Amino acid sequence: MLAEFNLIAEIFAPLAKDFPGALGLLDDAAIIRPRAGRDMVFTKDLMVSGVHFPEREPPEFVGRKLLRVNLSDLAAMGAEPVGYGLGVAFPENIDESWLRAFATGLAKDQELFGISLMGGDTVATPGPVTLSLTALGDLPSGQALKRSSARAGDLIMVSGTVGDGALGLRAVLGELTGLSGIHRAYLLERFRLPRPRLTLGQSLRGIAHAAVDISDGLVADLGHICVASGLGASVCVNKIPLSDAATEFLG
């Protein structure tokens, strides 16, 4: 594997070229200038090989998913992405081709979602690949969508079909049998490339009282809103939207 400073210069520095405050990743920290009248929002997620993704998962998808799960948290707050920091721990058996494919995945979604690398750190580890990403966003002051702001009588809505990611993991692990090829491919994509609802989140500012990213499942994450807001919830099970793939599996 490349030495640390060569790794930064050759693979990660290109990801920071569109964020002037990153200073080309040549300094110990980045410079961020908050916009007037805006609140800063940040979130962090970790992914560990063998826990959050299979050890043989294509590294491009690993990079894209790492960024997207964080962007989904920004979306749930109604924030617009600004930049992200990256912390990575790689074992010695990770070769340069894996690293380049991982960075390619990040680059693709940086362009797609309009975000750039601000800085980070790389270390060696005797354990599994461990990846940490901190995403930074902003929004108009006082307009964040918070879990604690739900009100009695609010309508519970979801932005897409439920359960596809969990079924996609089972597809990756070879645990789904009897499913059509097209539906299996759909579930794999849903697991590997979650869809951060950034535009929707921003459009809900001033309309929705509360929001949450459904990463732990509908019941668990709705429960987080209920606890934070001191409320209960009623869910019409027959109205929960399911994809055709999930319907085929459950049927």
C-alpha atoms as a PDB file:
ATOM      1  CA  MET A   1       0.000   0.000   0.000  1.00  0.00           C
ATOM      2  CA  LEU A   2       1.130   3.577  -0.602  1.00  0.00           C
ATOM      3  CA  ALA A   3       2.881   5.410   2.220  1.00  0.00           C
ATOM      4  CA  GLU A   4       0.545   7.724   4.147  1.00  0.00           C
ATOM      5  CA  PHE A   5       1.571  11.027   2.552  1.00  0.00           C
ATOM      6  CA  ASN A   6       1.630   9.519  -0.943  1.00  0.00           C
ATOM      7  CA  LEU A   7      -1.789   8.024  -0.256  1.00  0.00           C
ATOM      8  CA  ILE A   8      -3.142  11.437   0.699  1.00  0.00           C
ATOM      9  CA  ALA A   9      -1.506  13.246  -2.222  1.00  0.00           C
ATOM     10  CA  GLU A  10      -2.397  10.741  -4.949  1.00  0.00           C
ATOM     11  CA  ILE A  11      -5.787   9.386  -3.900  1.00  0.00           C
ATOM     12  CA  PHE A  12      -7.510  11.736  -1.455  1.00  0.00           C
ATOM     13  CA  ALA A  13      -6.209  15.226  -2.291  1.00  0.00           C
ATOM     14  CA  PRO A  14      -8.007  15.224  -5.688  1.00  0.00           C
ATOM     15  CA  LEU A  15     -11.284  14.814  -3.782  1.00  0.00           C
ATOM     16  CA  ALA A  16     -10.623  18.127  -2.005  1.00  0.00           C
ATOM     17  CA  LYS A  17      -9.780  20.266  -5.042  1.00  0.00           C
ATOM     18  CA  ASP A  18     -13.197  21.995  -5.114  1.00  0.00           C
ATOM     19  CA  PHE A  19     -13.152  23.043  -1.453  1.00  0.00           C
ATOM     20  CA  PRO A  20     -10.700  25.968  -1.068  1.00  0.00           C
ATOM     21  CA  GLY A  21     -10.713  25.721   2.717  1.00  0.00           C
ATOM     22  CA  ALA A  22      -9.229  22.227   2.516  1.00  0.00           C
ATOM     23  CA  LEU A  23      -5.934  23.878   1.490  1.00  0.00           C
ATOM     24  CA  GLY A  24      -5.055  20.939  -0.727  1.00  0.00           C
ATOM     25  CA  LEU A  25      -4.918  18.680   2.361  1.00  0.00           C
ATOM     26  CA  LEU A  26      -1.488  20.153   3.066  1.00  0.00           C
ATOM     27  CA  ASP A  27      -2.321  21.559   6.518  1.00  0.00           C
ATOM     28  CA  ASP A  28      -3.437  20.067   9.802  1.00  0.00           C
ATOM     29  CA  ALA A  29      -6.978  21.423   9.542  1.00  0.00           C
ATOM     30  CA  ALA A  30      -9.413  22.995   7.106  1.00  0.00           C
ATOM     31  CA  ILE A  31     -10.799  26.524   7.180  1.00  0.00           C
ATOM     32  CA  ILE A  32     -14.583  26.909   7.090  1.00  0.00           C
ATOM     33  CA  ARG A  33     -16.377  30.232   6.822  1.00  0.00           C
ATOM     34  CA  PRO A  34     -20.043  29.886   7.863  1.00  0.00           C
ATOM     35  CA  ARG A  35     -22.494  31.878   5.779  1.00  0.00           C
ATOM     36  CA  ALA A  36     -24.305  34.728   7.502  1.00  0.00           C
ATOM     37  CA  GLY A  37     -27.741  33.793   8.821  1.00  0.00           C
ATOM     38  CA  ARG A  38     -27.070  30.067   8.570  1.00  0.00           C
ATOM     39  CA  ASP A  39     -26.799  27.305  11.178  1.00  0.00           C
ATOM     40  CA  MET A  40     -24.114  24.673  10.710  1.00  0.00           C
ATOM     41  CA  VAL A  41     -25.172  21.015  10.900  1.00  0.00           C
ATOM     42  CA  PHE A  42     -22.825  18.067  11.175  1.00  0.00           C
ATOM     43  CA  THR A  43     -23.214  14.309  11.411  1.00  0.00           C
ATOM     44  CA  LYS A  44     -20.892  11.308  11.648  1.00  0.00           C
ATOM     45  CA  ASP A  45     -21.319   7.660  10.698  1.00  0.00           C
ATOM     46  CA  LEU A  46     -18.914   4.731  10.942  1.00  0.00           C
ATOM     47  CA  MET A  47     -18.742   1.644   8.760  1.00  0.00           C
ATOM     48  CA  VAL A  48     -16.690  -1.463   9.595  1.00  0.00           C
ATOM     49  CA  SER A  49     -15.927  -4.281   7.190  1.00  0.00           C
ATOM     50  CA  GLY A  50     -17.731  -7.469   8.157  1.00  0.00           C
ATOM     51  CA  VAL A  51     -20.249  -5.501  10.221  1.00  0.00           C
ATOM     52  CA  HIS A  52     -21.771  -2.820   7.983  1.00  0.00           C
ATOM     53  CA  PHE A  53     -20.700  -4.251   4.628  1.00  0.00           C
ATOM     54  CA  PRO A  54     -19.399  -7.664   3.510  1.00  0.00           C
ATOM     55  CA  GLU A  55     -15.617  -7.996   3.322  1.00  0.00           C
ATOM     56  CA  ARG A  56     -15.766  -8.613  -0.438  1.00  0.00           C
ATOM     57  CA  GLU A  57     -18.107  -5.732  -1.192  1.00  0.00           C
ATOM     58  CA  PRO A  58     -16.879  -3.724  -4.225  1.00  0.00           C
ATOM     59  CA  PRO A  59     -14.931  -0.753  -2.786  1.00  0.00           C
ATOM     60  CA  GLU A  60     -16.615   1.765  -5.093  1.00  0.00           C
ATOM     61  CA  PHE A  61     -19.976   0.926  -3.514  1.00  0.00           C
ATOM     62  CA  VAL A  62     -18.411   1.113  -0.047  1.00  0.00           C
ATOM     63  CA  GLY A  63     -17.271   4.681  -0.696  1.00  0.00           C
ATOM     64  CA  ARG A  64     -20.580   5.756  -2.156  1.00  0.00           C
ATOM     65  CA  LYS A  65     -22.618   4.246   0.659  1.00  0.00           C
ATOM     66  CA  LEU A  66     -20.367   5.812   3.310  1.00  0.00           C
ATOM     67  CA  LEU A  67     -21.039   9.260   1.888  1.00  0.00           C
ATOM     68  CA  ARG A  68     -24.734   8.677   1.240  1.00  0.00           C
ATOM     69  CA  VAL A  69     -25.667   7.494   4.728  1.00  0.00           C
ATOM     70  CA  ASN A  70     -24.220  10.722   6.110  1.00  0.00           C
ATOM     71  CA  LEU A  71     -25.941  12.854   3.487  1.00  0.00           C
ATOM     72  CA  SER A  72     -29.194  11.164   4.456  1.00  0.00           C
ATOM     73  CA  ASP A  73     -28.726  12.443   8.017  1.00  0.00           C
ATOM     74  CA  LEU A  74     -28.211  15.975   6.664  1.00  0.00           C
ATOM     75  CA  ALA A  75     -31.350  15.575   4.554  1.00  0.00           C
ATOM     76  CA  ALA A  76     -33.371  14.591   7.615  1.00  0.00           C
ATOM     77  CA  MET A  77     -32.403  17.908   9.216  1.00  0.00           C
ATOM     78  CA  GLY A  78     -33.304  19.880   6.085  1.00  0.00           C
ATOM     79  CA  ALA A  79     -29.661  20.855   5.538  1.00  0.00           C
ATOM     80  CA  GLU A  80     -27.665  21.523   2.388  1.00  0.00           C
ATOM     81  CA  PRO A  81     -24.304  19.705   2.129  1.00  0.00           C
ATOM     82  CA  VAL A  82     -21.134  21.800   2.522  1.00  0.00           C
ATOM     83  CA  GLY A  83     -18.248  19.343   2.852  1.00  0.00           C
ATOM     84  CA  TYR A  84     -17.038  16.254   4.668  1.00  0.00           C
ATOM     85  CA  GLY A  85     -14.133  14.895   6.659  1.00  0.00           C
ATOM     86  CA  LEU A  86     -12.859  11.358   6.253  1.00  0.00           C
ATOM     87  CA  GLY A  87     -11.089   9.071   8.713  1.00  0.00           C
ATOM     88  CA  VAL A  88      -9.927   5.672   7.464  1.00  0.00           C
ATOM     89  CA  ALA A  89      -8.094   2.739   9.028  1.00  0.00           C
ATOM     90  CA  PHE A  90      -6.757   0.229   6.495  1.00  0.00           C
ATOM     91  CA  PRO A  91      -5.113  -3.160   7.143  1.00  0.00           C
ATOM     92  CA  GLU A  92      -1.967  -4.084   5.225  1.00  0.00           C
ATOM     93  CA  ASN A  93      -3.813  -6.425   2.852  1.00  0.00           C
ATOM     94  CA  ILE A  94      -5.720  -3.517   1.272  1.00  0.00           C
ATOM     95  CA  ASP A  95      -3.990  -2.790  -2.011  1.00  0.00           C
ATOM     96  CA  GLU A  96      -3.796   0.347  -4.099  1.00  0.00           C
ATOM     97  CA  SER A  97      -6.494  -0.797  -6.537  1.00  0.00           C
ATOM     98  CA  TRP A  98      -8.985  -1.095  -3.630  1.00  0.00           C
ATOM     99  CA  LEU A  99      -8.115   2.410  -2.456  1.00  0.00           C
ATOM    100  CA  ARG A 100      -8.468   3.917  -5.909  1.00  0.00           C
ATOM    101  CA  ALA A 101     -11.847   2.255  -6.455  1.00  0.00           C
ATOM    102  CA  PHE A 102     -13.001   3.495  -3.035  1.00  0.00           C
ATOM    103  CA  ALA A 103     -11.950   7.047  -3.951  1.00  0.00           C
ATOM    104  CA  THR A 104     -13.645   6.715  -7.357  1.00  0.00           C
ATOM    105  CA  GLY A 105     -16.926   5.955  -5.591  1.00  0.00           C
ATOM    106  CA  LEU A 106     -16.539   9.022  -3.398  1.00  0.00           C
ATOM    107  CA  ALA A 107     -15.711  11.175  -6.423  1.00  0.00           C
ATOM    108  CA  LYS A 108     -18.827  10.035  -8.298  1.00  0.00           C
ATOM    109  CA  ASP A 109     -21.149  10.969  -5.470  1.00  0.00           C
ATOM    110  CA  GLN A 110     -19.300  14.177  -4.674  1.00  0.00           C
ATOM    111  CA  GLU A 111     -20.170  15.343  -8.163  1.00  0.00           C
ATOM    112  CA  LEU A 112     -23.716  14.026  -7.936  1.00  0.00           C
ATOM    113  CA  PHE A 113     -24.519  15.693  -4.604  1.00  0.00           C
ATOM    114  CA  GLY A 114     -22.321  18.793  -4.802  1.00  0.00           C
ATOM    115  CA  ILE A 115     -20.003  18.132  -1.851  1.00  0.00           C
ATOM    116  CA  SER A 116     -16.209  17.961  -1.442  1.00  0.00           C
ATOM    117  CA  LEU A 117     -13.660  16.482   0.916  1.00  0.00           C
ATOM    118  CA  MET A 118     -12.395  18.970   3.534  1.00  0.00           C
ATOM    119  CA  GLY A 119      -9.767  16.845   5.276  1.00  0.00           C
ATOM    120  CA  GLY A 120      -9.250  13.794   7.426  1.00  0.00           C
ATOM    121  CA  ASP A 121      -6.775  11.167   8.537  1.00  0.00           C
ATOM    122  CA  THR A 122      -5.448   7.771   7.459  1.00  0.00           C
ATOM    123  CA  VAL A 123      -3.995   5.123   9.740  1.00  0.00           C
ATOM    124  CA  ALA A 124      -2.962   1.476   9.567  1.00  0.00           C
ATOM    125  CA  THR A 125      -4.806  -1.141  11.591  1.00  0.00           C
ATOM    126  CA  PRO A 126      -4.414  -4.877  12.326  1.00  0.00           C
ATOM    127  CA  GLY A 127      -8.197  -5.133  12.337  1.00  0.00           C
ATOM    128  CA  PRO A 128     -10.836  -4.813   9.623  1.00  0.00           C
ATOM    129  CA  VAL A 129     -11.278  -1.812   7.331  1.00  0.00           C
ATOM    130  CA  THR A 130     -12.820   0.937   9.474  1.00  0.00           C
ATOM    131  CA  LEU A 131     -14.266   4.056   7.846  1.00  0.00           C
ATOM    132  CA  SER A 132     -15.513   7.229   9.519  1.00  0.00           C
ATOM    133  CA  LEU A 133     -17.102  10.134   7.671  1.00  0.00           C
ATOM    134  CA  THR A 134     -18.260  13.442   9.131  1.00  0.00           C
ATOM    135  CA  ALA A 135     -20.569  15.444   6.877  1.00  0.00           C
ATOM    136  CA  LEU A 136     -21.103  19.165   7.315  1.00  0.00           C
ATOM    137  CA  GLY A 137     -24.137  21.071   6.090  1.00  0.00           C
ATOM    138  CA  ASP A 138     -25.962  24.310   6.710  1.00  0.00           C
ATOM    139  CA  LEU A 139     -29.460  25.774   6.603  1.00  0.00           C
ATOM    140  CA  PRO A 140     -31.260  29.026   7.419  1.00  0.00           C
ATOM    141  CA  SER A 141     -30.974  29.768  11.133  1.00  0.00           C
ATOM    142  CA  GLY A 142     -33.719  28.198  13.226  1.00  0.00           C
ATOM    143  CA  GLN A 143     -35.158  26.028  10.436  1.00  0.00           C
ATOM    144  CA  ALA A 144     -33.652  22.629  11.282  1.00  0.00           C
ATOM    145  CA  LEU A 145     -36.054  19.687  11.273  1.00  0.00           C
ATOM    146  CA  LYS A 146     -35.582  18.135  14.717  1.00  0.00           C
ATOM    147  CA  ARG A 147     -36.843  14.888  16.204  1.00  0.00           C
ATOM    148  CA  SER A 148     -38.045  16.797  19.255  1.00  0.00           C
ATOM    149  CA  SER A 149     -40.406  19.119  17.365  1.00  0.00           C
ATOM    150  CA  ALA A 150     -43.222  16.735  16.421  1.00  0.00           C
ATOM    151  CA  ARG A 151     -46.715  17.787  17.473  1.00  0.00           C
ATOM    152  CA  ALA A 152     -49.825  15.865  18.416  1.00  0.00           C
ATOM    153  CA  GLY A 153     -51.924  15.289  15.302  1.00  0.00           C
ATOM    154  CA  ASP A 154     -48.981  15.292  12.869  1.00  0.00           C
ATOM    155  CA  LEU A 155     -49.355  12.943   9.914  1.00  0.00           C
ATOM    156  CA  ILE A 156     -46.623  10.282   9.672  1.00  0.00           C
ATOM    157  CA  MET A 157     -45.209   9.992   6.156  1.00  0.00           C
ATOM    158  CA  VAL A 158     -42.261   8.222   4.529  1.00  0.00           C
ATOM    159  CA  SER A 159     -40.439   9.276   1.379  1.00  0.00           C
ATOM    160  CA  GLY A 160     -40.016   5.862  -0.238  1.00  0.00           C
ATOM    161  CA  THR A 161     -40.551   2.146   0.133  1.00  0.00           C
ATOM    162  CA  VAL A 162     -39.638   0.519   3.446  1.00  0.00           C
ATOM    163  CA  GLY A 163     -37.409  -2.501   4.143  1.00  0.00           C
ATOM    164  CA  ASP A 164     -35.505  -2.664   0.854  1.00  0.00           C
ATOM    165  CA  GLY A 165     -32.097  -2.051   2.448  1.00  0.00           C
ATOM    166  CA  ALA A 166     -32.504  -4.885   4.951  1.00  0.00           C
ATOM    167  CA  LEU A 167     -33.600  -7.253   2.184  1.00  0.00           C
ATOM    168  CA  GLY A 168     -30.703  -6.035   0.039  1.00  0.00           C
ATOM    169  CA  LEU A 169     -28.243  -7.086   2.729  1.00  0.00           C
ATOM    170  CA  ARG A 170     -29.796 -10.531   2.746  1.00  0.00           C
ATOM    171  CA  ALA A 171     -29.406 -10.610  -1.035  1.00  0.00           C
ATOM    172  CA  VAL A 172     -25.704  -9.718  -0.718  1.00  0.00           C
ATOM    173  CA  LEU A 173     -25.284 -12.542   1.802  1.00  0.00           C
ATOM    174  CA  GLY A 174     -27.037 -15.004  -0.539  1.00  0.00           C
ATOM    175  CA  GLU A 175     -29.954 -15.518   1.811  1.00  0.00           C
ATOM    176  CA  LEU A 176     -32.737 -14.664  -0.638  1.00  0.00           C
ATOM    177  CA  THR A 177     -33.944 -17.549  -2.763  1.00  0.00           C
ATOM    178  CA  GLY A 178     -36.752 -17.731  -5.274  1.00  0.00           C
ATOM    179  CA  LEU A 179     -36.608 -14.023  -6.068  1.00  0.00           C
ATOM    180  CA  SER A 180     -36.635 -12.865  -9.680  1.00  0.00           C
ATOM    181  CA  GLY A 181     -33.376 -11.492 -11.077  1.00  0.00           C
ATOM    182  CA  ILE A 182     -34.711  -7.992 -11.622  1.00  0.00           C
ATOM    183  CA  HIS A 183     -36.043  -7.762  -8.075  1.00  0.00           C
ATOM    184  CA  ARG A 184     -32.831  -9.129  -6.585  1.00  0.00           C
ATOM    185  CA  ALA A 185     -30.846  -6.524  -8.545  1.00  0.00           C
ATOM    186  CA  TYR A 186     -33.170  -3.793  -7.280  1.00  0.00           C
ATOM    187  CA  LEU A 187     -32.677  -4.825  -3.655  1.00  0.00           C
ATOM    188  CA  LEU A 188     -28.904  -4.988  -4.086  1.00  0.00           C
ATOM    189  CA  GLU A 189     -28.899  -1.427  -5.401  1.00  0.00           C
ATOM    190  CA  ARG A 190     -31.053  -0.229  -2.515  1.00  0.00           C
ATOM    191  CA  PHE A 191     -28.587  -1.740  -0.027  1.00  0.00           C
ATOM    192  CA  ARG A 192     -25.479  -0.464  -1.777  1.00  0.00           C
ATOM    193  CA  LEU A 193     -26.738   2.959  -2.865  1.00  0.00           C
ATOM    194  CA  PRO A 194     -29.189   4.444  -0.358  1.00  0.00           C
ATOM    195  CA  ARG A 195     -30.879   7.587  -1.634  1.00  0.00           C
ATOM    196  CA  PRO A 196     -30.371  10.683   0.506  1.00  0.00           C
ATOM    197  CA  ARG A 197     -33.469  12.852   0.127  1.00  0.00           C
ATOM    198  CA  LEU A 198     -31.627  16.173   0.189  1.00  0.00           C
ATOM    199  CA  THR A 199     -34.000  18.112  -2.056  1.00  0.00           C
ATOM    200  CA  LEU A 200     -37.033  16.802  -0.191  1.00  0.00           C
ATOM    201  CA  GLY A 201     -35.546  17.578   3.204  1.00  0.00           C
ATOM    202  CA  GLN A 202     -34.793  21.159   2.213  1.00  0.00           C
ATOM    203  CA  SER A 203     -38.288  21.605   0.762  1.00  0.00           C
ATOM    204  CA  LEU A 204     -39.862  20.453   4.045  1.00  0.00           C
ATOM    205  CA  ARG A 205     -38.335  23.278   6.079  1.00  0.00           C
ATOM    206  CA  GLY A 206     -41.220  25.313   7.468  1.00  0.00           C
ATOM    207  CA  ILE A 207     -43.710  22.586   6.524  1.00  0.00           C
ATOM    208  CA  ALA A 208     -42.817  19.439   8.475  1.00  0.00           C
ATOM    209  CA  HIS A 209     -42.385  19.711  12.240  1.00  0.00           C
ATOM    210  CA  ALA A 210     -39.970  16.781  12.629  1.00  0.00           C
ATOM    211  CA  ALA A 211     -38.044  14.335  10.476  1.00  0.00           C
ATOM    212  CA  VAL A 212     -35.680  11.397  10.852  1.00  0.00           C
ATOM    213  CA  ASP A 213     -33.493   9.272   8.611  1.00  0.00           C
ATOM    214  CA  ILE A 214     -34.861   5.715   8.569  1.00  0.00           C
ATOM    215  CA  SER A 215     -31.619   3.776   8.956  1.00  0.00           C
ATOM    216  CA  ASP A 216     -32.643   1.544  11.879  1.00  0.00           C
ATOM    217  CA  GLY A 217     -36.078   0.703  10.503  1.00  0.00           C
ATOM    218  CA  LEU A 218     -39.418   2.498  10.487  1.00  0.00           C
ATOM    219  CA  VAL A 219     -40.536   1.383  13.949  1.00  0.00           C
ATOM    220  CA  ALA A 220     -37.214   2.119  15.659  1.00  0.00           C
ATOM    221  CA  ASP A 221     -36.682   5.528  14.063  1.00  0.00           C
ATOM    222  CA  LEU A 222     -40.298   6.616  14.514  1.00  0.00           C
ATOM    223  CA  GLY A 223     -39.793   5.634  18.133  1.00  0.00           C
ATOM    224  CA  HIS A 224     -36.854   8.057  18.348  1.00  0.00           C
ATOM    225  CA  ILE A 225     -39.158  10.911  17.282  1.00  0.00           C
ATOM    226  CA  CYS A 226     -41.798   9.829  19.804  1.00  0.00           C
ATOM    227  CA  VAL A 227     -39.316   9.720  22.679  1.00  0.00           C
ATOM    228  CA  ALA A 228     -37.726  13.046  21.758  1.00  0.00           C
ATOM    229  CA  SER A 229     -41.109  14.753  21.341  1.00  0.00           C
ATOM    230  CA  GLY A 230     -42.905  13.068  24.236  1.00  0.00           C
ATOM    231  CA  LEU A 231     -45.588  11.604  21.972  1.00  0.00           C
ATOM    232  CA  GLY A 232     -47.038   8.295  20.842  1.00  0.00           C
ATOM    233  CA  ALA A 233     -47.781   7.187  17.284  1.00  0.00           C
ATOM    234  CA  SER A 234     -50.286   5.113  15.383  1.00  0.00           C
ATOM    235  CA  VAL A 235     -49.180   3.396  12.167  1.00  0.00           C
ATOM    236  CA  CYS A 236     -51.525   1.986   9.534  1.00  0.00           C
ATOM    237  CA  VAL A 237     -49.599  -1.156   8.650  1.00  0.00           C
ATOM    238  CA  ASN A 238     -51.537  -1.754   5.441  1.00  0.00           C
ATOM    239  CA  LYS A 239     -50.506   1.699   4.202  1.00  0.00           C
ATOM    240  CA  ILE A 240     -46.735   1.217   4.638  1.00  0.00           C
ATOM    241  CA  PRO A 241     -45.306   1.457   1.087  1.00  0.00           C
ATOM    242  CA  LEU A 242     -43.441  -1.628  -0.100  1.00  0.00           C
ATOM    243  CA  SER A 243     -41.515  -2.135  -3.319  1.00  0.00           C
ATOM    244  CA  ASP A 244     -42.517  -4.799  -5.827  1.00  0.00           C
ATOM    245  CA  ALA A 245     -39.376  -6.712  -4.806  1.00  0.00           C
ATOM    246  CA  ALA A 246     -40.325  -6.685  -1.116  1.00  0.00           C
ATOM    247  CA  THR A 247     -43.902  -7.636  -1.973  1.00  0.00           C
ATOM    248  CA  GLU A 248     -42.665 -10.604  -4.012  1.00  0.00           C
ATOM    249  CA  PHE A 249     -40.421 -11.734  -1.133  1.00  0.00           C
ATOM    250  CA  LEU A 250     -43.160 -11.399   1.477  1.00  0.00           C
ATOM    251  CA  GLY A 251     -45.759 -12.993  -0.754  1.00  0.00           C
END
